[in-house]
């Protein structure tokens, strides 16, 4: 089930993000510090949704309201025990697309973890440029038309 995230779920969202990012082999200390600083509900126009299985939160997504027609998929994190199971990541990505359209966006953009490029391509996103991420890595920016 997909539902709006609750402010009291911040720690759960941080744990899921840390587990998901750690799944890709990043340094545990760096991932821990990054996750502790994560503010899922920060920023105006940011919506956060969770996926639940048996009433437990197993994944989440955050999407911003459009600026210049562009919505940003800021976060999409699936707990490793649920990656490639039940299509949870796909459901959350589709929720972000739906919200982007409802909010009036024409494009959904995201900064992709390099290991997740195949997933985003499967969802219809295309590489539009590269940019330097918060850890100094070159990351692909991907885009999907919403209209």
N, C-alpha and C. Protein backbone atom coordinates (compact mmCIF):
# COMPACT_ATOMS: atom_id res chain seq x y z
N UNK A 1 0.84 -1.17 0.00
CA UNK A 1 0.00 0.00 0.00
C UNK A 1 0.89 1.25 0.00
N UNK A 2 0.48 2.26 -0.73
CA UNK A 2 1.19 3.54 -0.76
C UNK A 2 0.33 4.55 -0.01
N UNK A 3 0.95 5.31 0.89
CA UNK A 3 0.24 6.34 1.64
C UNK A 3 1.20 7.48 1.93
N UNK A 4 0.63 8.62 2.38
CA UNK A 4 1.48 9.74 2.77
C UNK A 4 2.29 9.35 4.01
N UNK A 5 3.52 9.80 4.03
CA UNK A 5 4.37 9.57 5.19
C UNK A 5 3.93 10.47 6.33
N UNK A 6 4.19 10.03 7.54
CA UNK A 6 3.84 10.79 8.73
C UNK A 6 5.10 11.40 9.34
N UNK A 7 5.02 12.62 9.87
CA UNK A 7 6.20 13.26 10.46
C UNK A 7 6.88 12.40 11.52
N UNK A 8 6.14 11.59 12.24
CA UNK A 8 6.72 10.74 13.27
C UNK A 8 7.52 9.56 12.72
N UNK A 9 7.55 9.41 11.40
CA UNK A 9 8.26 8.29 10.77
C UNK A 9 9.66 8.66 10.28
N UNK A 10 10.16 9.84 10.67
CA UNK A 10 11.46 10.31 10.18
C UNK A 10 12.56 9.28 10.43
N UNK A 11 12.65 8.75 11.62
CA UNK A 11 13.72 7.79 11.93
C UNK A 11 13.61 6.53 11.08
N UNK A 12 12.40 6.07 10.85
CA UNK A 12 12.19 4.90 9.99
C UNK A 12 12.66 5.21 8.57
N UNK A 13 12.32 6.39 8.08
CA UNK A 13 12.73 6.78 6.73
C UNK A 13 14.26 6.87 6.63
N UNK A 14 14.89 7.41 7.66
CA UNK A 14 16.35 7.49 7.68
C UNK A 14 16.98 6.10 7.66
N UNK A 15 16.42 5.18 8.45
CA UNK A 15 16.96 3.81 8.49
C UNK A 15 16.83 3.13 7.13
N UNK A 16 15.69 3.32 6.48
CA UNK A 16 15.49 2.71 5.16
C UNK A 16 16.48 3.31 4.16
N UNK A 17 16.63 4.63 4.16
CA UNK A 17 17.57 5.28 3.24
C UNK A 17 18.99 4.78 3.47
N UNK A 18 19.40 4.67 4.74
CA UNK A 18 20.75 4.21 5.06
C UNK A 18 20.95 2.77 4.59
N UNK A 19 19.98 1.91 4.85
CA UNK A 19 20.09 0.51 4.42
C UNK A 19 20.16 0.42 2.90
N UNK A 20 19.33 1.21 2.24
CA UNK A 20 19.30 1.19 0.77
C UNK A 20 20.60 1.71 0.18
N UNK A 21 21.09 2.83 0.67
CA UNK A 21 22.34 3.40 0.15
C UNK A 21 23.50 2.46 0.48
N UNK A 22 23.48 1.88 1.66
CA UNK A 22 24.52 0.94 2.06
C UNK A 22 24.54 -0.32 1.21
N UNK A 23 23.41 -0.68 0.67
CA UNK A 23 23.28 -1.85 -0.20
C UNK A 23 24.23 -1.76 -1.39
N UNK A 24 24.54 -0.53 -1.82
CA UNK A 24 25.38 -0.32 -2.99
C UNK A 24 26.87 -0.27 -2.64
N UNK A 25 27.23 -0.59 -1.41
CA UNK A 25 28.63 -0.73 -1.04
C UNK A 25 29.33 0.54 -0.59
N UNK A 26 28.59 1.58 -0.28
CA UNK A 26 29.21 2.81 0.20
C UNK A 26 29.74 2.59 1.62
N UNK A 27 30.70 3.40 2.03
CA UNK A 27 31.30 3.28 3.36
C UNK A 27 30.24 3.44 4.44
N UNK A 28 30.13 2.47 5.35
CA UNK A 28 29.08 2.51 6.38
C UNK A 28 29.07 3.79 7.22
N UNK A 29 30.25 4.31 7.61
CA UNK A 29 30.29 5.52 8.42
C UNK A 29 29.73 6.71 7.65
N UNK A 30 30.11 6.79 6.39
CA UNK A 30 29.64 7.90 5.55
C UNK A 30 28.12 7.81 5.36
N UNK A 31 27.62 6.61 5.11
CA UNK A 31 26.18 6.41 4.93
C UNK A 31 25.44 6.77 6.21
N UNK A 32 25.97 6.35 7.36
CA UNK A 32 25.33 6.65 8.65
C UNK A 32 25.22 8.15 8.85
N UNK A 33 26.33 8.87 8.66
CA UNK A 33 26.32 10.32 8.85
C UNK A 33 25.36 11.00 7.87
N UNK A 34 25.37 10.56 6.63
CA UNK A 34 24.47 11.11 5.62
C UNK A 34 23.01 10.90 6.03
N UNK A 35 22.68 9.69 6.46
CA UNK A 35 21.30 9.37 6.82
C UNK A 35 20.84 10.15 8.05
N UNK A 36 21.74 10.34 9.01
CA UNK A 36 21.39 11.09 10.22
C UNK A 36 21.04 12.54 9.90
N UNK A 37 21.65 13.09 8.85
CA UNK A 37 21.39 14.48 8.46
C UNK A 37 20.19 14.61 7.52
N UNK A 38 19.67 13.50 7.06
CA UNK A 38 18.56 13.51 6.11
C UNK A 38 17.30 14.06 6.76
N UNK A 39 16.67 15.01 6.09
CA UNK A 39 15.42 15.62 6.56
C UNK A 39 14.33 15.35 5.52
N UNK A 40 13.65 14.22 5.62
CA UNK A 40 12.66 13.84 4.60
C UNK A 40 11.57 14.88 4.34
N UNK A 41 11.20 15.63 5.37
CA UNK A 41 10.09 16.58 5.20
C UNK A 41 10.56 18.02 5.00
N UNK A 42 11.87 18.22 4.81
CA UNK A 42 12.41 19.57 4.65
C UNK A 42 12.09 20.12 3.26
N UNK A 43 11.91 21.40 3.20
CA UNK A 43 11.70 22.05 1.91
C UNK A 43 10.24 22.25 1.58
N UNK A 44 9.94 23.41 1.08
CA UNK A 44 8.57 23.71 0.68
C UNK A 44 8.16 22.94 -0.55
N UNK A 45 6.92 22.53 -0.59
CA UNK A 45 6.39 21.83 -1.75
C UNK A 45 6.88 20.42 -1.91
N UNK A 46 7.43 19.84 -0.87
CA UNK A 46 7.95 18.47 -0.91
C UNK A 46 6.91 17.52 -0.33
N UNK A 47 6.58 16.50 -1.08
CA UNK A 47 5.62 15.48 -0.63
C UNK A 47 6.36 14.17 -0.43
N UNK A 48 6.01 13.45 0.64
CA UNK A 48 6.68 12.19 0.96
C UNK A 48 5.62 11.10 1.09
N UNK A 49 5.89 9.99 0.42
CA UNK A 49 4.98 8.84 0.45
C UNK A 49 5.77 7.60 0.83
N UNK A 50 5.09 6.67 1.50
CA UNK A 50 5.72 5.42 1.91
C UNK A 50 4.98 4.25 1.29
N UNK A 51 5.73 3.16 1.14
CA UNK A 51 5.14 1.88 0.76
C UNK A 51 5.17 1.01 2.01
N UNK A 52 4.04 0.36 2.28
CA UNK A 52 3.97 -0.51 3.46
C UNK A 52 3.65 -1.94 3.02
N UNK A 53 4.17 -2.86 3.80
CA UNK A 53 3.85 -4.28 3.66
C UNK A 53 3.49 -4.76 5.06
N UNK A 54 2.30 -5.31 5.21
CA UNK A 54 1.83 -5.75 6.53
C UNK A 54 1.98 -4.64 7.57
N UNK A 55 1.61 -3.44 7.19
CA UNK A 55 1.65 -2.25 8.04
C UNK A 55 3.05 -1.77 8.43
N UNK A 56 4.09 -2.34 7.84
CA UNK A 56 5.45 -1.88 8.09
C UNK A 56 5.94 -1.07 6.90
N UNK A 57 6.56 0.07 7.17
CA UNK A 57 7.12 0.89 6.11
C UNK A 57 8.38 0.21 5.58
N UNK A 58 8.43 -0.02 4.25
CA UNK A 58 9.56 -0.71 3.64
C UNK A 58 10.27 0.13 2.59
N UNK A 59 9.68 1.28 2.21
CA UNK A 59 10.28 2.12 1.18
C UNK A 59 9.61 3.49 1.21
N UNK A 60 10.28 4.48 0.59
CA UNK A 60 9.67 5.81 0.53
C UNK A 60 10.19 6.61 -0.65
N UNK A 61 9.41 7.62 -0.99
CA UNK A 61 9.74 8.51 -2.10
C UNK A 61 9.38 9.93 -1.71
N UNK A 62 10.16 10.89 -2.21
CA UNK A 62 9.84 12.31 -2.01
C UNK A 62 9.89 13.00 -3.37
N UNK A 63 8.90 13.82 -3.61
CA UNK A 63 8.83 14.57 -4.87
C UNK A 63 8.50 16.02 -4.54
N UNK A 64 9.10 16.94 -5.30
CA UNK A 64 8.86 18.36 -5.06
C UNK A 64 7.83 18.90 -6.05
N UNK A 65 7.15 19.94 -5.62
CA UNK A 65 6.24 20.66 -6.52
C UNK A 65 7.07 21.27 -7.63
N UNK A 66 6.48 21.49 -8.79
CA UNK A 66 7.26 21.97 -9.92
C UNK A 66 7.77 23.40 -9.78
N UNK A 67 8.93 23.60 -10.34
CA UNK A 67 9.51 24.92 -10.52
C UNK A 67 9.87 25.00 -11.99
N UNK A 68 9.27 25.93 -12.70
CA UNK A 68 9.49 26.02 -14.13
C UNK A 68 9.04 24.76 -14.86
N UNK A 69 8.03 24.10 -14.31
CA UNK A 69 7.50 22.88 -14.93
C UNK A 69 8.22 21.61 -14.54
N UNK A 70 9.31 21.73 -13.77
CA UNK A 70 10.12 20.55 -13.41
C UNK A 70 9.87 20.16 -11.95
N UNK A 71 9.39 18.93 -11.76
CA UNK A 71 9.31 18.33 -10.43
C UNK A 71 10.59 17.54 -10.23
N UNK A 72 11.02 17.44 -8.98
CA UNK A 72 12.23 16.68 -8.70
C UNK A 72 11.88 15.50 -7.80
N UNK A 73 12.31 14.34 -8.24
CA UNK A 73 12.23 13.15 -7.40
C UNK A 73 13.49 13.22 -6.53
N UNK A 74 13.32 13.70 -5.30
CA UNK A 74 14.46 13.92 -4.41
C UNK A 74 14.99 12.63 -3.80
N UNK A 75 14.12 11.74 -3.48
CA UNK A 75 14.49 10.50 -2.80
C UNK A 75 13.60 9.37 -3.28
N UNK A 76 14.19 8.20 -3.43
CA UNK A 76 13.43 6.97 -3.62
C UNK A 76 14.31 5.87 -3.03
N UNK A 77 13.88 5.39 -1.87
CA UNK A 77 14.68 4.41 -1.13
C UNK A 77 13.83 3.20 -0.80
N UNK A 78 14.34 2.03 -1.13
CA UNK A 78 13.67 0.76 -0.85
C UNK A 78 14.60 -0.04 0.05
N UNK A 79 14.05 -0.54 1.15
CA UNK A 79 14.87 -1.38 2.04
C UNK A 79 15.40 -2.55 1.23
N UNK A 80 16.68 -2.91 1.39
CA UNK A 80 17.26 -3.99 0.58
C UNK A 80 16.47 -5.29 0.58
N UNK A 81 15.80 -5.61 1.67
CA UNK A 81 15.04 -6.86 1.69
C UNK A 81 13.82 -6.81 0.77
N UNK A 82 13.50 -5.63 0.26
CA UNK A 82 12.35 -5.48 -0.64
C UNK A 82 12.74 -5.03 -2.04
N UNK A 83 14.04 -4.86 -2.30
CA UNK A 83 14.48 -4.50 -3.65
C UNK A 83 14.16 -5.65 -4.59
N UNK A 84 13.55 -5.31 -5.72
CA UNK A 84 13.15 -6.27 -6.75
C UNK A 84 12.08 -7.24 -6.27
N UNK A 85 11.29 -6.81 -5.30
CA UNK A 85 10.18 -7.64 -4.81
C UNK A 85 8.90 -6.83 -4.84
N UNK A 86 7.88 -7.42 -5.38
CA UNK A 86 6.53 -6.83 -5.42
C UNK A 86 6.45 -5.52 -6.19
N UNK A 87 7.49 -5.13 -6.89
CA UNK A 87 7.44 -3.90 -7.67
C UNK A 87 7.31 -2.64 -6.83
N UNK A 88 7.82 -2.69 -5.61
CA UNK A 88 7.65 -1.56 -4.68
C UNK A 88 8.31 -0.29 -5.22
N UNK A 89 9.52 -0.40 -5.73
CA UNK A 89 10.18 0.78 -6.29
C UNK A 89 9.40 1.36 -7.46
N UNK A 90 8.88 0.49 -8.31
CA UNK A 90 8.09 0.94 -9.46
C UNK A 90 6.82 1.65 -9.01
N UNK A 91 6.16 1.10 -7.99
CA UNK A 91 4.94 1.73 -7.48
C UNK A 91 5.23 3.13 -6.94
N UNK A 92 6.33 3.28 -6.22
CA UNK A 92 6.67 4.59 -5.69
C UNK A 92 7.07 5.56 -6.80
N UNK A 93 7.79 5.08 -7.80
CA UNK A 93 8.15 5.93 -8.92
C UNK A 93 6.89 6.40 -9.64
N UNK A 94 5.94 5.50 -9.84
CA UNK A 94 4.68 5.86 -10.48
C UNK A 94 3.90 6.87 -9.63
N UNK A 95 3.97 6.74 -8.31
CA UNK A 95 3.33 7.71 -7.42
C UNK A 95 3.96 9.09 -7.61
N UNK A 96 5.27 9.14 -7.73
CA UNK A 96 5.95 10.42 -7.95
C UNK A 96 5.52 11.03 -9.28
N UNK A 97 5.40 10.21 -10.31
CA UNK A 97 4.92 10.70 -11.61
C UNK A 97 3.50 11.26 -11.48
N UNK A 98 2.64 10.51 -10.83
CA UNK A 98 1.25 10.93 -10.64
C UNK A 98 1.18 12.26 -9.91
N UNK A 99 1.92 12.38 -8.81
CA UNK A 99 1.90 13.62 -8.04
C UNK A 99 2.47 14.77 -8.86
N UNK A 100 3.52 14.52 -9.62
CA UNK A 100 4.09 15.55 -10.48
C UNK A 100 3.07 16.08 -11.46
N UNK A 101 2.31 15.18 -12.08
CA UNK A 101 1.27 15.61 -13.02
C UNK A 101 0.19 16.42 -12.31
N UNK A 102 -0.27 15.91 -11.17
CA UNK A 102 -1.33 16.60 -10.42
C UNK A 102 -0.88 17.99 -9.98
N UNK A 103 0.39 18.10 -9.62
CA UNK A 103 0.94 19.39 -9.17
C UNK A 103 1.21 20.34 -10.33
N UNK A 104 1.05 19.87 -11.55
CA UNK A 104 1.21 20.73 -12.72
C UNK A 104 2.57 20.65 -13.39
N UNK A 105 3.36 19.67 -13.03
CA UNK A 105 4.68 19.52 -13.65
C UNK A 105 4.59 18.92 -15.04
N UNK A 106 5.56 19.26 -15.87
CA UNK A 106 5.64 18.66 -17.20
C UNK A 106 6.81 17.69 -17.32
N UNK A 107 7.76 17.77 -16.37
CA UNK A 107 8.94 16.92 -16.37
C UNK A 107 9.24 16.49 -14.94
N UNK A 108 9.71 15.25 -14.79
CA UNK A 108 10.21 14.75 -13.51
C UNK A 108 11.70 14.51 -13.69
N UNK A 109 12.52 15.13 -12.85
CA UNK A 109 13.97 14.94 -12.91
C UNK A 109 14.47 14.29 -11.63
N UNK A 110 15.59 13.59 -11.76
CA UNK A 110 16.20 12.95 -10.59
C UNK A 110 17.68 12.80 -10.80
N UNK A 111 18.40 12.83 -9.70
CA UNK A 111 19.82 12.54 -9.68
C UNK A 111 19.93 11.06 -9.31
N UNK A 112 20.46 10.25 -10.21
CA UNK A 112 20.43 8.79 -10.03
C UNK A 112 21.69 8.25 -9.38
N UNK A 113 21.50 7.38 -8.43
CA UNK A 113 22.59 6.53 -7.95
C UNK A 113 23.02 5.71 -9.17
N UNK A 114 24.32 5.69 -9.51
CA UNK A 114 24.72 4.98 -10.72
C UNK A 114 24.24 3.53 -10.80
N UNK A 115 24.12 2.86 -9.67
CA UNK A 115 23.65 1.47 -9.68
C UNK A 115 22.16 1.35 -9.99
N UNK A 116 21.44 2.46 -9.96
CA UNK A 116 19.99 2.40 -10.20
C UNK A 116 19.58 2.90 -11.58
N UNK A 117 20.55 3.22 -12.43
CA UNK A 117 20.24 3.75 -13.76
C UNK A 117 19.33 2.80 -14.53
N UNK A 118 19.61 1.52 -14.50
CA UNK A 118 18.79 0.54 -15.22
C UNK A 118 17.33 0.58 -14.79
N UNK A 119 17.11 0.73 -13.50
CA UNK A 119 15.73 0.83 -12.99
C UNK A 119 15.03 2.04 -13.58
N UNK A 120 15.69 3.19 -13.51
CA UNK A 120 15.06 4.41 -14.00
C UNK A 120 14.84 4.36 -15.52
N UNK A 121 15.78 3.75 -16.25
CA UNK A 121 15.57 3.58 -17.69
C UNK A 121 14.36 2.70 -17.95
N UNK A 122 14.22 1.64 -17.18
CA UNK A 122 13.06 0.76 -17.32
C UNK A 122 11.76 1.53 -17.08
N UNK A 123 11.82 2.52 -16.21
CA UNK A 123 10.64 3.32 -15.89
C UNK A 123 10.40 4.42 -16.93
N UNK A 124 11.30 4.55 -17.90
CA UNK A 124 11.11 5.51 -18.98
C UNK A 124 11.95 6.76 -18.90
N UNK A 125 12.78 6.89 -17.87
CA UNK A 125 13.63 8.08 -17.74
C UNK A 125 14.85 7.97 -18.66
N UNK A 126 15.33 9.13 -19.09
CA UNK A 126 16.51 9.17 -19.95
C UNK A 126 17.56 10.09 -19.34
N UNK A 127 18.81 9.79 -19.62
CA UNK A 127 19.93 10.59 -19.14
C UNK A 127 19.93 11.92 -19.88
N UNK A 128 19.98 13.04 -19.13
CA UNK A 128 19.98 14.35 -19.77
C UNK A 128 21.27 15.14 -19.52
N UNK A 129 21.96 14.84 -18.44
CA UNK A 129 23.22 15.52 -18.15
C UNK A 129 23.86 14.85 -16.93
N UNK A 130 25.06 15.26 -16.64
CA UNK A 130 25.76 14.81 -15.44
C UNK A 130 25.93 16.01 -14.52
N UNK A 131 26.01 15.73 -13.23
CA UNK A 131 26.34 16.79 -12.27
C UNK A 131 27.08 16.17 -11.11
N UNK A 132 27.75 17.01 -10.37
CA UNK A 132 28.51 16.55 -9.21
C UNK A 132 27.54 16.47 -8.03
N UNK A 133 27.46 15.27 -7.41
CA UNK A 133 26.59 15.05 -6.27
C UNK A 133 27.22 15.52 -4.98
N UNK A 134 26.48 15.37 -3.89
CA UNK A 134 26.93 15.88 -2.60
C UNK A 134 28.20 15.20 -2.09
N UNK A 135 28.52 14.01 -2.58
CA UNK A 135 29.73 13.32 -2.16
C UNK A 135 30.88 13.52 -3.14
N UNK A 136 30.70 14.45 -4.09
CA UNK A 136 31.76 14.74 -5.04
C UNK A 136 31.82 13.78 -6.22
N UNK A 137 30.86 12.87 -6.32
CA UNK A 137 30.82 11.93 -7.45
C UNK A 137 30.06 12.55 -8.61
N UNK A 138 30.43 12.16 -9.81
CA UNK A 138 29.66 12.56 -10.99
C UNK A 138 28.45 11.63 -11.07
N UNK A 139 27.26 12.23 -11.05
CA UNK A 139 26.03 11.46 -11.08
C UNK A 139 25.19 11.83 -12.29
N UNK A 140 24.52 10.85 -12.87
CA UNK A 140 23.63 11.15 -13.99
C UNK A 140 22.34 11.80 -13.50
N UNK A 141 21.91 12.81 -14.23
CA UNK A 141 20.59 13.39 -14.00
C UNK A 141 19.70 12.81 -15.08
N UNK A 142 18.57 12.27 -14.67
CA UNK A 142 17.65 11.63 -15.59
C UNK A 142 16.33 12.38 -15.59
N UNK A 143 15.60 12.27 -16.67
CA UNK A 143 14.39 13.04 -16.85
C UNK A 143 13.31 12.18 -17.50
N UNK A 144 12.07 12.50 -17.17
CA UNK A 144 10.92 11.81 -17.72
C UNK A 144 9.83 12.84 -17.98
N UNK A 145 9.29 12.85 -19.18
CA UNK A 145 8.18 13.76 -19.49
C UNK A 145 6.93 13.28 -18.77
N UNK A 146 6.22 14.21 -18.17
CA UNK A 146 4.98 13.90 -17.46
C UNK A 146 3.75 14.19 -18.30
N UNK A 147 3.91 14.98 -19.35
CA UNK A 147 2.75 15.37 -20.17
C UNK A 147 2.81 14.73 -21.54
